[in-house]
Structure formats: C-alpha cells, structure tokens
C-alpha cells in the first residue's frame, strides 16, 4: 500500500478492529487513549519515541493530565478479555500469545509495529 494513501480514517478503522479483536472495551476511555497514542506515534513518524513521551504529547493534545491518561490506559489493558486476546493475538501480531505483552507499553509497541508492517512496507 502506498504511504500517501494512508489516511487517519483507515488507521482509525484498522485500530478499532484490532483493539476490539484483542478484547479491549471502547466504553473504557483508556482504550480510546491507547488508540490515540498509536496514531500519534504512527503519523509523527519518529522511530525512537518513548512511550512516556507519547503520553505527554497526548496529554497536550487532549488537555488531560499524564496521570489520568496513564491510569485510564492501565485500567483498559487490565480489563482486557483474555480469551479474545488469546484467540486473535497470533493472527494480528504474527506471534504466540504471551501475557507479558499485555501491558500498555508493550501493546502500544505491538500495534505500532503492526501498522508499520501493513501500511508502510
């Protein structure tokens, strides 16, 4: 896929699909914040940005505190539907499921790597 044709709407649809297949609940604001983190990282195209820096950027963008964003994302990830995550993890990320990856930072990295693999290669 040509990178110029990648639109925020395509990325939104892709992330909505993946996050729901992983068992994250959109009623939880942390799920929406995680999606926005991934989009910021993807569209800024900074290869070595840190997770904490993404949180700061999102806080400025949404006018929210770092603590609120961090705690909401943590809550979303820790209320994940494990059976859905196990069932779909390999199909999405091309690796076996491991609970080790069910942290906000690791999921953000996996989602960003998946977007880069699909839309930038």
N, C-alpha and C. Protein backbone atom coordinates (compact mmCIF):
# COMPACT_ATOMS: atom_id res chain seq x y z
N UNK A 1 0.84 -1.18 0.00
CA UNK A 1 0.00 0.00 0.00
C UNK A 1 0.88 1.24 0.00
N UNK A 2 0.53 2.20 -0.80
CA UNK A 2 1.27 3.44 -0.91
C UNK A 2 1.04 4.29 0.34
N UNK A 3 2.12 4.75 0.97
CA UNK A 3 2.01 5.50 2.22
C UNK A 3 1.16 6.76 2.06
N UNK A 4 1.22 7.42 0.89
CA UNK A 4 0.43 8.63 0.69
C UNK A 4 -1.08 8.36 0.78
N UNK A 5 -1.49 7.15 0.52
CA UNK A 5 -2.90 6.81 0.55
C UNK A 5 -3.40 6.42 1.94
N UNK A 6 -2.51 6.36 2.91
CA UNK A 6 -2.90 6.02 4.27
C UNK A 6 -3.52 7.26 4.90
N UNK A 7 -4.78 7.12 5.27
CA UNK A 7 -5.49 8.25 5.87
C UNK A 7 -5.75 7.96 7.35
N UNK A 8 -5.96 9.00 8.12
CA UNK A 8 -6.33 8.78 9.52
C UNK A 8 -7.58 7.90 9.66
N UNK A 9 -8.51 8.03 8.73
CA UNK A 9 -9.72 7.20 8.80
C UNK A 9 -9.39 5.71 8.63
N UNK A 10 -8.49 5.38 7.71
CA UNK A 10 -8.08 3.98 7.53
C UNK A 10 -7.40 3.45 8.79
N UNK A 11 -6.56 4.27 9.38
CA UNK A 11 -5.87 3.86 10.59
C UNK A 11 -6.86 3.71 11.74
N UNK A 12 -7.82 4.62 11.84
CA UNK A 12 -8.88 4.51 12.86
C UNK A 12 -9.63 3.19 12.72
N UNK A 13 -10.04 2.88 11.51
CA UNK A 13 -10.80 1.65 11.27
C UNK A 13 -9.96 0.42 11.61
N UNK A 14 -8.70 0.43 11.20
CA UNK A 14 -7.82 -0.69 11.49
C UNK A 14 -7.66 -0.86 13.00
N UNK A 15 -7.36 0.23 13.70
CA UNK A 15 -7.16 0.14 15.15
C UNK A 15 -8.44 -0.24 15.89
N UNK A 16 -9.58 0.29 15.46
CA UNK A 16 -10.85 -0.10 16.07
C UNK A 16 -11.05 -1.61 15.97
N UNK A 17 -10.79 -2.15 14.78
CA UNK A 17 -10.93 -3.57 14.55
C UNK A 17 -9.98 -4.38 15.43
N UNK A 18 -8.72 -4.00 15.44
CA UNK A 18 -7.71 -4.75 16.19
C UNK A 18 -7.97 -4.67 17.69
N UNK A 19 -8.26 -3.48 18.19
CA UNK A 19 -8.48 -3.34 19.63
C UNK A 19 -9.69 -4.13 20.09
N UNK A 20 -10.74 -4.15 19.30
CA UNK A 20 -11.91 -4.95 19.69
C UNK A 20 -11.61 -6.45 19.59
N UNK A 21 -10.84 -6.87 18.59
CA UNK A 21 -10.46 -8.28 18.48
C UNK A 21 -9.55 -8.72 19.62
N UNK A 22 -8.84 -7.77 20.20
CA UNK A 22 -7.99 -8.08 21.35
C UNK A 22 -8.77 -8.09 22.66
N UNK A 23 -10.03 -7.69 22.61
CA UNK A 23 -10.85 -7.73 23.82
C UNK A 23 -10.79 -6.47 24.65
N UNK A 24 -10.38 -5.37 24.04
CA UNK A 24 -10.40 -4.09 24.74
C UNK A 24 -11.77 -3.46 24.55
N UNK A 25 -12.27 -2.79 25.57
CA UNK A 25 -13.62 -2.26 25.58
C UNK A 25 -13.61 -0.76 25.29
N UNK A 26 -14.38 -0.33 24.28
CA UNK A 26 -14.42 1.09 23.94
C UNK A 26 -15.22 1.92 24.94
N UNK A 27 -15.93 1.29 25.85
CA UNK A 27 -16.59 2.03 26.92
C UNK A 27 -15.55 2.57 27.89
N UNK A 28 -14.37 2.00 27.87
CA UNK A 28 -13.27 2.44 28.72
C UNK A 28 -12.47 3.50 27.97
N UNK A 29 -12.36 4.68 28.53
CA UNK A 29 -11.65 5.76 27.85
C UNK A 29 -10.18 5.43 27.61
N UNK A 30 -9.61 4.55 28.41
CA UNK A 30 -8.22 4.14 28.22
C UNK A 30 -8.00 3.47 26.87
N UNK A 31 -9.00 2.76 26.37
CA UNK A 31 -8.89 2.14 25.05
C UNK A 31 -8.77 3.22 23.98
N UNK A 32 -9.57 4.26 24.10
CA UNK A 32 -9.50 5.36 23.13
C UNK A 32 -8.16 6.10 23.24
N UNK A 33 -7.66 6.26 24.46
CA UNK A 33 -6.36 6.92 24.64
C UNK A 33 -5.24 6.09 24.02
N UNK A 34 -5.31 4.77 24.19
CA UNK A 34 -4.28 3.92 23.60
C UNK A 34 -4.29 4.05 22.08
N UNK A 35 -5.47 4.07 21.52
CA UNK A 35 -5.60 4.23 20.07
C UNK A 35 -4.96 5.55 19.63
N UNK A 36 -5.21 6.62 20.36
CA UNK A 36 -4.63 7.92 20.02
C UNK A 36 -3.11 7.91 20.16
N UNK A 37 -2.58 7.21 21.16
CA UNK A 37 -1.12 7.09 21.32
C UNK A 37 -0.50 6.46 20.08
N UNK A 38 -1.10 5.38 19.62
CA UNK A 38 -0.59 4.66 18.46
C UNK A 38 -0.65 5.57 17.22
N UNK A 39 -1.74 6.29 17.07
CA UNK A 39 -1.87 7.20 15.93
C UNK A 39 -0.83 8.32 15.97
N UNK A 40 -0.58 8.86 17.14
CA UNK A 40 0.44 9.91 17.27
C UNK A 40 1.79 9.35 16.84
N UNK A 41 2.14 8.18 17.35
CA UNK A 41 3.43 7.57 17.01
C UNK A 41 3.51 7.27 15.52
N UNK A 42 2.44 6.76 14.94
CA UNK A 42 2.44 6.40 13.53
C UNK A 42 2.58 7.62 12.63
N UNK A 43 1.80 8.64 12.89
CA UNK A 43 1.78 9.80 11.99
C UNK A 43 2.92 10.79 12.23
N UNK A 44 3.53 10.79 13.41
CA UNK A 44 4.69 11.66 13.61
C UNK A 44 5.93 11.05 13.00
N UNK A 45 5.89 9.73 12.78
CA UNK A 45 6.97 9.03 12.09
C UNK A 45 8.33 9.19 12.79
N UNK A 46 8.30 9.25 14.12
CA UNK A 46 9.52 9.30 14.91
C UNK A 46 9.81 7.87 15.36
N UNK A 47 10.94 7.33 14.94
CA UNK A 47 11.21 5.92 15.17
C UNK A 47 11.56 5.57 16.61
N UNK A 48 12.20 6.48 17.32
CA UNK A 48 12.66 6.13 18.66
C UNK A 48 11.94 6.90 19.76
N UNK A 49 10.68 7.24 19.55
CA UNK A 49 9.92 7.96 20.57
C UNK A 49 9.59 7.02 21.73
N UNK A 50 9.67 7.52 22.93
CA UNK A 50 9.40 6.72 24.13
C UNK A 50 7.91 6.76 24.45
N UNK A 51 7.45 5.69 25.10
CA UNK A 51 6.05 5.59 25.50
C UNK A 51 5.64 6.79 26.35
N UNK A 52 6.49 7.16 27.30
CA UNK A 52 6.17 8.29 28.18
C UNK A 52 6.05 9.59 27.39
N UNK A 53 6.87 9.75 26.36
CA UNK A 53 6.78 10.95 25.51
C UNK A 53 5.45 10.98 24.75
N UNK A 54 4.97 9.81 24.33
CA UNK A 54 3.68 9.74 23.66
C UNK A 54 2.56 10.17 24.62
N UNK A 55 2.66 9.73 25.87
CA UNK A 55 1.66 10.11 26.88
C UNK A 55 1.65 11.64 27.04
N UNK A 56 2.83 12.24 27.09
CA UNK A 56 2.93 13.70 27.23
C UNK A 56 2.30 14.40 26.03
N UNK A 57 2.61 13.92 24.82
CA UNK A 57 2.02 14.51 23.61
C UNK A 57 0.50 14.39 23.61
N UNK A 58 0.00 13.23 24.01
CA UNK A 58 -1.45 13.03 24.06
C UNK A 58 -2.08 13.94 25.11
N UNK A 59 -1.42 14.10 26.25
CA UNK A 59 -1.92 14.98 27.30
C UNK A 59 -2.07 16.41 26.80
N UNK A 60 -1.08 16.87 26.06
CA UNK A 60 -1.15 18.23 25.49
C UNK A 60 -2.25 18.33 24.44
N UNK A 61 -2.36 17.30 23.62
CA UNK A 61 -3.36 17.29 22.54
C UNK A 61 -4.78 17.29 23.11
N UNK A 62 -5.00 16.49 24.15
CA UNK A 62 -6.35 16.32 24.69
C UNK A 62 -6.61 17.19 25.93
N UNK A 63 -5.59 17.94 26.36
CA UNK A 63 -5.69 18.76 27.57
C UNK A 63 -6.05 17.92 28.79
N UNK A 64 -5.31 16.81 28.95
CA UNK A 64 -5.50 15.89 30.07
C UNK A 64 -4.18 15.73 30.82
N UNK A 65 -4.29 15.32 32.07
CA UNK A 65 -3.06 15.08 32.83
C UNK A 65 -2.45 13.74 32.44
N UNK A 66 -1.16 13.65 32.60
CA UNK A 66 -0.44 12.41 32.32
C UNK A 66 -0.97 11.29 33.21
N UNK A 67 -1.25 11.61 34.46
CA UNK A 67 -1.76 10.61 35.41
C UNK A 67 -3.10 10.05 34.97
N UNK A 68 -3.98 10.91 34.48
CA UNK A 68 -5.30 10.45 34.02
C UNK A 68 -5.16 9.51 32.82
N UNK A 69 -4.37 9.90 31.86
CA UNK A 69 -4.17 9.07 30.67
C UNK A 69 -3.55 7.74 31.06
N UNK A 70 -2.50 7.79 31.85
CA UNK A 70 -1.80 6.57 32.26
C UNK A 70 -2.71 5.62 33.02
N UNK A 71 -3.46 6.14 33.97
CA UNK A 71 -4.33 5.26 34.77
C UNK A 71 -5.48 4.71 33.94
N UNK A 72 -6.02 5.51 33.02
CA UNK A 72 -7.11 5.00 32.18
C UNK A 72 -6.63 3.92 31.22
N UNK A 73 -5.46 4.10 30.64
CA UNK A 73 -4.91 3.07 29.74
C UNK A 73 -4.61 1.80 30.53
N UNK A 74 -4.02 1.96 31.70
CA UNK A 74 -3.72 0.81 32.56
C UNK A 74 -5.01 0.05 32.89
N UNK A 75 -6.06 0.78 33.22
CA UNK A 75 -7.34 0.15 33.53
C UNK A 75 -7.90 -0.61 32.33
N UNK A 76 -7.81 -0.01 31.15
CA UNK A 76 -8.32 -0.66 29.94
C UNK A 76 -7.57 -1.95 29.65
N UNK A 77 -6.26 -1.90 29.74
CA UNK A 77 -5.44 -3.08 29.43
C UNK A 77 -5.66 -4.18 30.46
N UNK A 78 -5.85 -3.80 31.71
CA UNK A 78 -6.02 -4.81 32.74
C UNK A 78 -7.45 -5.34 32.83
N UNK A 79 -8.36 -4.79 32.05
CA UNK A 79 -9.71 -5.35 31.98
C UNK A 79 -9.95 -6.01 30.62
N UNK A 80 -8.87 -6.34 29.93
CA UNK A 80 -8.93 -6.96 28.60
C UNK A 80 -9.60 -8.33 28.70
N UNK A 81 -10.31 -8.71 27.67
CA UNK A 81 -10.92 -10.04 27.59
C UNK A 81 -9.82 -11.01 27.13
N UNK A 82 -9.27 -11.75 28.08
CA UNK A 82 -8.12 -12.62 27.81
C UNK A 82 -8.44 -13.69 26.77
N UNK A 83 -9.64 -14.24 26.82
CA UNK A 83 -9.96 -15.31 25.85
C UNK A 83 -9.97 -14.76 24.42
N UNK A 84 -10.48 -13.55 24.22
CA UNK A 84 -10.43 -12.93 22.89
C UNK A 84 -9.00 -12.63 22.49
N UNK A 85 -8.22 -12.11 23.42
CA UNK A 85 -6.82 -11.79 23.13
C UNK A 85 -6.07 -13.06 22.72
N UNK A 86 -6.24 -14.14 23.46
CA UNK A 86 -5.56 -15.40 23.13
C UNK A 86 -5.97 -15.91 21.75
N UNK A 87 -7.24 -15.81 21.46
CA UNK A 87 -7.76 -16.35 20.20
C UNK A 87 -7.25 -15.57 18.98
N UNK A 88 -7.07 -14.27 19.11
CA UNK A 88 -6.76 -13.42 17.95
C UNK A 88 -5.33 -12.90 17.90
N UNK A 89 -4.56 -13.10 18.95
CA UNK A 89 -3.23 -12.50 19.08
C UNK A 89 -2.31 -12.89 17.93
N UNK A 90 -2.22 -14.18 17.64
CA UNK A 90 -1.29 -14.64 16.60
C UNK A 90 -1.71 -14.13 15.22
N UNK A 91 -2.99 -14.10 14.97
CA UNK A 91 -3.49 -13.60 13.68
C UNK A 91 -3.15 -12.12 13.49
N UNK A 92 -3.20 -11.35 14.55
CA UNK A 92 -2.93 -9.91 14.47
C UNK A 92 -1.44 -9.61 14.45
N UNK A 93 -0.70 -10.19 15.39
CA UNK A 93 0.70 -9.81 15.59
C UNK A 93 1.71 -10.81 15.03
N UNK A 94 1.24 -11.95 14.53
CA UNK A 94 2.12 -12.98 13.98
C UNK A 94 3.12 -13.51 15.00
N UNK A 95 2.66 -13.63 16.22
CA UNK A 95 3.47 -14.23 17.29
C UNK A 95 2.51 -14.88 18.29
N UNK A 96 3.02 -15.84 19.03
CA UNK A 96 2.20 -16.53 20.01
C UNK A 96 1.82 -15.59 21.14
N UNK A 97 0.64 -15.83 21.69
CA UNK A 97 0.16 -15.04 22.81
C UNK A 97 1.04 -15.27 24.03
N UNK A 98 1.36 -14.20 24.71
CA UNK A 98 2.07 -14.26 25.98
C UNK A 98 1.54 -13.11 26.82
N UNK A 99 1.15 -13.40 28.03
CA UNK A 99 0.59 -12.38 28.91
C UNK A 99 1.59 -11.23 29.15
N UNK A 100 2.85 -11.49 28.93
CA UNK A 100 3.91 -10.48 29.04
C UNK A 100 3.59 -9.25 28.19
N UNK A 101 2.95 -9.46 27.05
CA UNK A 101 2.65 -8.37 26.13
C UNK A 101 1.43 -7.54 26.54
N UNK A 102 0.71 -7.97 27.56
CA UNK A 102 -0.50 -7.26 27.97
C UNK A 102 -0.18 -6.14 28.97
N UNK A 103 0.66 -5.24 28.54
CA UNK A 103 0.93 -4.02 29.28
C UNK A 103 0.68 -2.85 28.32
N UNK A 104 0.39 -1.68 28.84
CA UNK A 104 0.15 -0.55 27.93
C UNK A 104 1.32 -0.30 26.98
N UNK A 105 2.52 -0.32 27.50
CA UNK A 105 3.68 -0.04 26.66
C UNK A 105 3.88 -1.11 25.59
N UNK A 106 3.82 -2.38 25.97
CA UNK A 106 4.04 -3.45 25.00
C UNK A 106 2.95 -3.49 23.94
N UNK A 107 1.69 -3.30 24.34
CA UNK A 107 0.62 -3.30 23.34
C UNK A 107 0.76 -2.12 22.38
N UNK A 108 1.15 -0.98 22.89
CA UNK A 108 1.36 0.17 22.02
C UNK A 108 2.44 -0.12 20.99
N UNK A 109 3.53 -0.71 21.43
CA UNK A 109 4.63 -1.06 20.52
C UNK A 109 4.18 -2.10 19.50
N UNK A 110 3.47 -3.12 19.94
CA UNK A 110 2.98 -4.15 19.01
C UNK A 110 2.03 -3.55 17.98
N UNK A 111 1.13 -2.69 18.42
CA UNK A 111 0.19 -2.06 17.49
C UNK A 111 0.91 -1.18 16.49
N UNK A 112 1.86 -0.41 16.96
CA UNK A 112 2.63 0.46 16.06
C UNK A 112 3.43 -0.37 15.06
N UNK A 113 4.08 -1.42 15.52
CA UNK A 113 4.84 -2.29 14.61
C UNK A 113 3.93 -2.93 13.57
N UNK A 114 2.75 -3.31 13.98
CA UNK A 114 1.79 -3.92 13.04
C UNK A 114 1.34 -2.89 12.00
N UNK A 115 1.05 -1.68 12.43
CA UNK A 115 0.68 -0.62 11.48
C UNK A 115 1.82 -0.36 10.49
N UNK A 116 3.02 -0.28 10.99
CA UNK A 116 4.17 -0.03 10.12
C UNK A 116 4.36 -1.17 9.12
N UNK A 117 4.17 -2.39 9.58
CA UNK A 117 4.32 -3.56 8.70
C UNK A 117 3.28 -3.56 7.59
N UNK A 118 2.06 -3.20 7.93
CA UNK A 118 0.97 -3.25 6.96
C UNK A 118 0.93 -2.03 6.05
N UNK A 119 1.11 -0.85 6.61
CA UNK A 119 0.88 0.37 5.85
C UNK A 119 2.11 1.10 5.35
N UNK A 120 3.29 0.73 5.84
CA UNK A 120 4.48 1.45 5.38
C UNK A 120 5.43 0.58 4.59
N UNK A 121 5.13 -0.68 4.43
CA UNK A 121 6.01 -1.56 3.65
C UNK A 121 5.42 -1.86 2.30
